[in-house]
Amino acid sequence: MIESGYTRLGIQTSEFYAGQWWFGCYGNPKLIKTDAKFQILDKSDFNASLGIVGYSPKKLFIGNSKVNADKLHKGPIGVYVK
């Protein structure tokens, strides 16, 4: 169990990368980082709830969503630098 506190709807996305778990959540915290044994290392309000993928030693790709004029969602990729 991860003692994260309230995350509104729980974990939405996860990635095991560089020996750590990264969890994207709705609400706060939005990003939780744990070690391989699920001990919390960090919590952040950086939004990673739509997708997270390890890219390089210090970068993660993060899914984003934007609504256009036709009310369609577009999914650009952002970068989180750790």
N, C-alpha and C. Protein backbone atom coordinates (compact mmCIF):
# COMPACT_ATOMS: atom_id res chain seq x y z
N MET A 1 0.84 -1.17 0.00
CA MET A 1 0.00 0.00 0.00
C MET A 1 0.89 1.25 0.00
N ILE A 2 0.46 2.26 -0.73
CA ILE A 2 1.15 3.54 -0.77
C ILE A 2 0.38 4.52 0.11
N GLU A 3 1.01 5.03 1.12
CA GLU A 3 0.37 5.98 2.04
C GLU A 3 0.42 7.39 1.43
N SER A 4 -0.36 7.59 0.38
CA SER A 4 -0.31 8.85 -0.37
C SER A 4 -1.26 9.90 0.15
N GLY A 5 -2.26 9.51 0.92
CA GLY A 5 -3.32 10.43 1.28
C GLY A 5 -4.36 10.44 0.17
N TYR A 6 -5.29 11.36 0.22
CA TYR A 6 -6.37 11.44 -0.75
C TYR A 6 -5.85 11.82 -2.14
N THR A 7 -6.25 11.07 -3.17
CA THR A 7 -5.80 11.36 -4.54
C THR A 7 -6.95 11.54 -5.53
N ARG A 8 -8.22 11.58 -5.06
CA ARG A 8 -9.39 11.70 -5.93
C ARG A 8 -9.34 10.71 -7.09
N LEU A 9 -10.00 9.62 -6.98
CA LEU A 9 -10.12 8.55 -7.98
C LEU A 9 -8.87 7.67 -8.06
N GLY A 10 -7.92 7.85 -7.16
CA GLY A 10 -6.76 6.96 -7.12
C GLY A 10 -5.75 7.23 -8.22
N ILE A 11 -4.89 6.24 -8.42
CA ILE A 11 -3.82 6.34 -9.41
C ILE A 11 -4.40 6.12 -10.80
N GLN A 12 -4.05 6.97 -11.74
CA GLN A 12 -4.56 6.90 -13.11
C GLN A 12 -3.54 6.34 -14.09
N THR A 13 -2.27 6.53 -13.81
CA THR A 13 -1.22 6.06 -14.71
C THR A 13 0.03 5.77 -13.88
N SER A 14 0.84 4.83 -14.37
CA SER A 14 2.06 4.50 -13.63
C SER A 14 3.18 4.14 -14.59
N GLU A 15 4.40 4.31 -14.10
CA GLU A 15 5.59 3.99 -14.88
C GLU A 15 6.69 3.60 -13.91
N PHE A 16 7.34 2.45 -14.14
CA PHE A 16 8.53 2.09 -13.39
C PHE A 16 9.71 2.49 -14.25
N TYR A 17 10.51 3.42 -13.74
CA TYR A 17 11.56 4.02 -14.55
C TYR A 17 12.73 4.39 -13.65
N ALA A 18 13.91 4.03 -14.05
CA ALA A 18 15.15 4.36 -13.33
C ALA A 18 15.10 3.91 -11.87
N GLY A 19 14.50 2.74 -11.64
CA GLY A 19 14.44 2.18 -10.30
C GLY A 19 13.40 2.79 -9.38
N GLN A 20 12.50 3.61 -9.95
CA GLN A 20 11.47 4.26 -9.15
C GLN A 20 10.11 4.12 -9.83
N TRP A 21 9.07 4.12 -9.02
CA TRP A 21 7.70 4.16 -9.53
C TRP A 21 7.24 5.61 -9.59
N TRP A 22 6.57 5.95 -10.69
CA TRP A 22 5.98 7.27 -10.89
C TRP A 22 4.49 7.05 -11.09
N PHE A 23 3.66 7.71 -10.29
CA PHE A 23 2.21 7.55 -10.35
C PHE A 23 1.54 8.89 -10.61
N GLY A 24 0.73 8.95 -11.66
CA GLY A 24 -0.05 10.15 -11.96
C GLY A 24 -1.44 9.99 -11.41
N CYS A 25 -1.94 11.02 -10.71
CA CYS A 25 -3.24 10.98 -10.05
C CYS A 25 -4.04 12.23 -10.38
N TYR A 26 -5.39 12.12 -10.27
CA TYR A 26 -6.23 13.30 -10.29
C TYR A 26 -6.21 13.90 -8.89
N GLY A 27 -6.50 15.18 -8.76
CA GLY A 27 -6.50 15.82 -7.45
C GLY A 27 -5.08 16.13 -7.01
N ASN A 28 -4.87 16.18 -5.71
CA ASN A 28 -3.54 16.43 -5.16
C ASN A 28 -3.20 15.35 -4.16
N PRO A 29 -2.04 14.78 -4.20
CA PRO A 29 -0.96 15.11 -5.12
C PRO A 29 -1.26 14.60 -6.52
N LYS A 30 -0.72 15.27 -7.52
CA LYS A 30 -0.91 14.85 -8.91
C LYS A 30 0.16 13.87 -9.36
N LEU A 31 1.34 13.94 -8.78
CA LEU A 31 2.45 13.06 -9.13
C LEU A 31 3.07 12.53 -7.84
N ILE A 32 3.17 11.20 -7.75
CA ILE A 32 3.79 10.56 -6.59
C ILE A 32 4.95 9.72 -7.09
N LYS A 33 6.09 9.85 -6.44
CA LYS A 33 7.26 9.04 -6.79
C LYS A 33 7.59 8.17 -5.59
N THR A 34 7.79 6.85 -5.85
CA THR A 34 8.17 5.94 -4.78
C THR A 34 9.41 5.15 -5.21
N ASP A 35 10.01 4.49 -4.23
CA ASP A 35 11.08 3.56 -4.57
C ASP A 35 10.47 2.23 -5.00
N ALA A 36 11.29 1.25 -5.28
CA ALA A 36 10.80 -0.04 -5.77
C ALA A 36 9.95 -0.77 -4.73
N LYS A 37 10.07 -0.39 -3.46
CA LYS A 37 9.28 -1.01 -2.39
C LYS A 37 8.06 -0.16 -2.02
N PHE A 38 7.74 0.82 -2.85
CA PHE A 38 6.58 1.70 -2.70
C PHE A 38 6.65 2.64 -1.50
N GLN A 39 7.85 2.98 -1.09
CA GLN A 39 8.03 4.00 -0.06
C GLN A 39 8.07 5.36 -0.75
N ILE A 40 7.25 6.28 -0.32
CA ILE A 40 7.14 7.58 -0.99
C ILE A 40 8.45 8.36 -0.88
N LEU A 41 8.91 8.83 -2.05
CA LEU A 41 10.10 9.66 -2.13
C LEU A 41 9.75 11.13 -2.35
N ASP A 42 8.63 11.37 -3.06
CA ASP A 42 8.26 12.75 -3.39
C ASP A 42 6.81 12.80 -3.81
N LYS A 43 6.16 13.94 -3.56
CA LYS A 43 4.81 14.23 -4.05
C LYS A 43 4.88 15.59 -4.71
N SER A 44 4.10 15.78 -5.79
CA SER A 44 4.16 17.03 -6.54
C SER A 44 2.78 17.38 -7.07
N ASP A 45 2.56 18.65 -7.37
CA ASP A 45 1.31 19.06 -8.00
C ASP A 45 1.45 19.12 -9.52
N PHE A 46 2.55 18.54 -10.06
CA PHE A 46 2.74 18.47 -11.51
C PHE A 46 1.77 17.42 -12.07
N ASN A 47 0.93 17.81 -13.04
CA ASN A 47 -0.11 16.92 -13.55
C ASN A 47 0.46 15.86 -14.49
N ALA A 48 0.40 14.61 -14.04
CA ALA A 48 0.85 13.47 -14.85
C ALA A 48 -0.25 12.42 -14.94
N SER A 49 -1.51 12.81 -14.76
CA SER A 49 -2.61 11.85 -14.67
C SER A 49 -2.99 11.22 -16.01
N LEU A 50 -2.58 11.79 -17.13
CA LEU A 50 -3.00 11.27 -18.44
C LEU A 50 -1.96 10.39 -19.12
N GLY A 51 -0.83 10.18 -18.49
CA GLY A 51 0.18 9.31 -19.06
C GLY A 51 1.57 9.76 -18.67
N ILE A 52 2.44 8.78 -18.46
CA ILE A 52 3.81 9.08 -18.05
C ILE A 52 4.72 7.97 -18.56
N VAL A 53 5.81 8.36 -19.22
CA VAL A 53 6.75 7.41 -19.80
C VAL A 53 8.17 7.93 -19.60
N GLY A 54 9.06 7.08 -19.09
CA GLY A 54 10.45 7.46 -18.94
C GLY A 54 11.09 7.65 -20.31
N TYR A 55 11.91 8.70 -20.44
CA TYR A 55 12.50 9.03 -21.74
C TYR A 55 14.02 9.03 -21.70
N SER A 56 14.59 9.72 -20.75
CA SER A 56 16.04 9.80 -20.61
C SER A 56 16.35 9.85 -19.12
N PRO A 57 17.61 9.85 -18.73
CA PRO A 57 17.92 9.83 -17.29
C PRO A 57 17.27 10.94 -16.47
N LYS A 58 16.96 12.06 -17.08
CA LYS A 58 16.36 13.15 -16.30
C LYS A 58 15.05 13.67 -16.87
N LYS A 59 14.45 12.94 -17.83
CA LYS A 59 13.21 13.43 -18.45
C LYS A 59 12.16 12.33 -18.53
N LEU A 60 10.92 12.75 -18.35
CA LEU A 60 9.76 11.88 -18.53
C LEU A 60 8.82 12.55 -19.52
N PHE A 61 8.21 11.77 -20.39
CA PHE A 61 7.15 12.30 -21.24
C PHE A 61 5.84 12.23 -20.44
N ILE A 62 5.05 13.28 -20.53
CA ILE A 62 3.79 13.40 -19.82
C ILE A 62 2.67 13.65 -20.83
N GLY A 63 1.58 12.89 -20.72
CA GLY A 63 0.42 13.11 -21.58
C GLY A 63 -0.36 14.33 -21.13
N ASN A 64 -0.83 15.11 -22.07
CA ASN A 64 -1.65 16.29 -21.80
C ASN A 64 -2.94 16.19 -22.60
N SER A 65 -3.89 17.04 -22.32
CA SER A 65 -5.14 17.06 -23.07
C SER A 65 -5.61 18.50 -23.18
N LYS A 66 -5.96 18.90 -24.39
CA LYS A 66 -6.51 20.22 -24.64
C LYS A 66 -7.76 20.06 -25.50
N VAL A 67 -8.78 20.84 -25.22
CA VAL A 67 -10.03 20.79 -25.97
C VAL A 67 -9.98 21.88 -27.03
N ASN A 68 -10.28 21.52 -28.31
CA ASN A 68 -10.29 22.52 -29.37
C ASN A 68 -11.69 23.10 -29.55
N ALA A 69 -11.88 23.96 -30.54
CA ALA A 69 -13.16 24.64 -30.77
C ALA A 69 -14.29 23.66 -31.07
N ASP A 70 -13.98 22.50 -31.62
CA ASP A 70 -15.00 21.48 -31.91
C ASP A 70 -15.25 20.56 -30.72
N LYS A 71 -14.71 20.91 -29.57
CA LYS A 71 -14.83 20.14 -28.34
C LYS A 71 -14.23 18.75 -28.46
N LEU A 72 -13.18 18.65 -29.27
CA LEU A 72 -12.42 17.42 -29.39
C LEU A 72 -11.15 17.56 -28.58
N HIS A 73 -10.73 16.49 -27.97
CA HIS A 73 -9.51 16.52 -27.16
C HIS A 73 -8.31 16.17 -28.02
N LYS A 74 -7.28 16.96 -27.90
CA LYS A 74 -5.99 16.69 -28.56
C LYS A 74 -5.02 16.29 -27.46
N GLY A 75 -4.10 15.37 -27.76
CA GLY A 75 -3.21 14.86 -26.75
C GLY A 75 -1.75 15.14 -26.99
N PRO A 76 -1.29 16.37 -26.79
CA PRO A 76 0.14 16.64 -26.95
C PRO A 76 0.96 16.01 -25.82
N ILE A 77 2.25 15.86 -26.06
CA ILE A 77 3.17 15.32 -25.07
C ILE A 77 3.96 16.46 -24.45
N GLY A 78 4.02 16.48 -23.14
CA GLY A 78 4.84 17.44 -22.43
C GLY A 78 6.07 16.72 -21.88
N VAL A 79 6.99 17.46 -21.30
CA VAL A 79 8.19 16.87 -20.73
C VAL A 79 8.31 17.32 -19.28
N TYR A 80 8.54 16.36 -18.41
CA TYR A 80 8.81 16.64 -17.00
C TYR A 80 10.29 16.39 -16.79
N VAL A 81 10.98 17.36 -16.25
CA VAL A 81 12.42 17.23 -16.00
C VAL A 81 12.61 17.03 -14.51
N LYS A 82 13.19 15.89 -14.15
CA LYS A 82 13.35 15.60 -12.71
C LYS A 82 14.67 16.10 -12.19
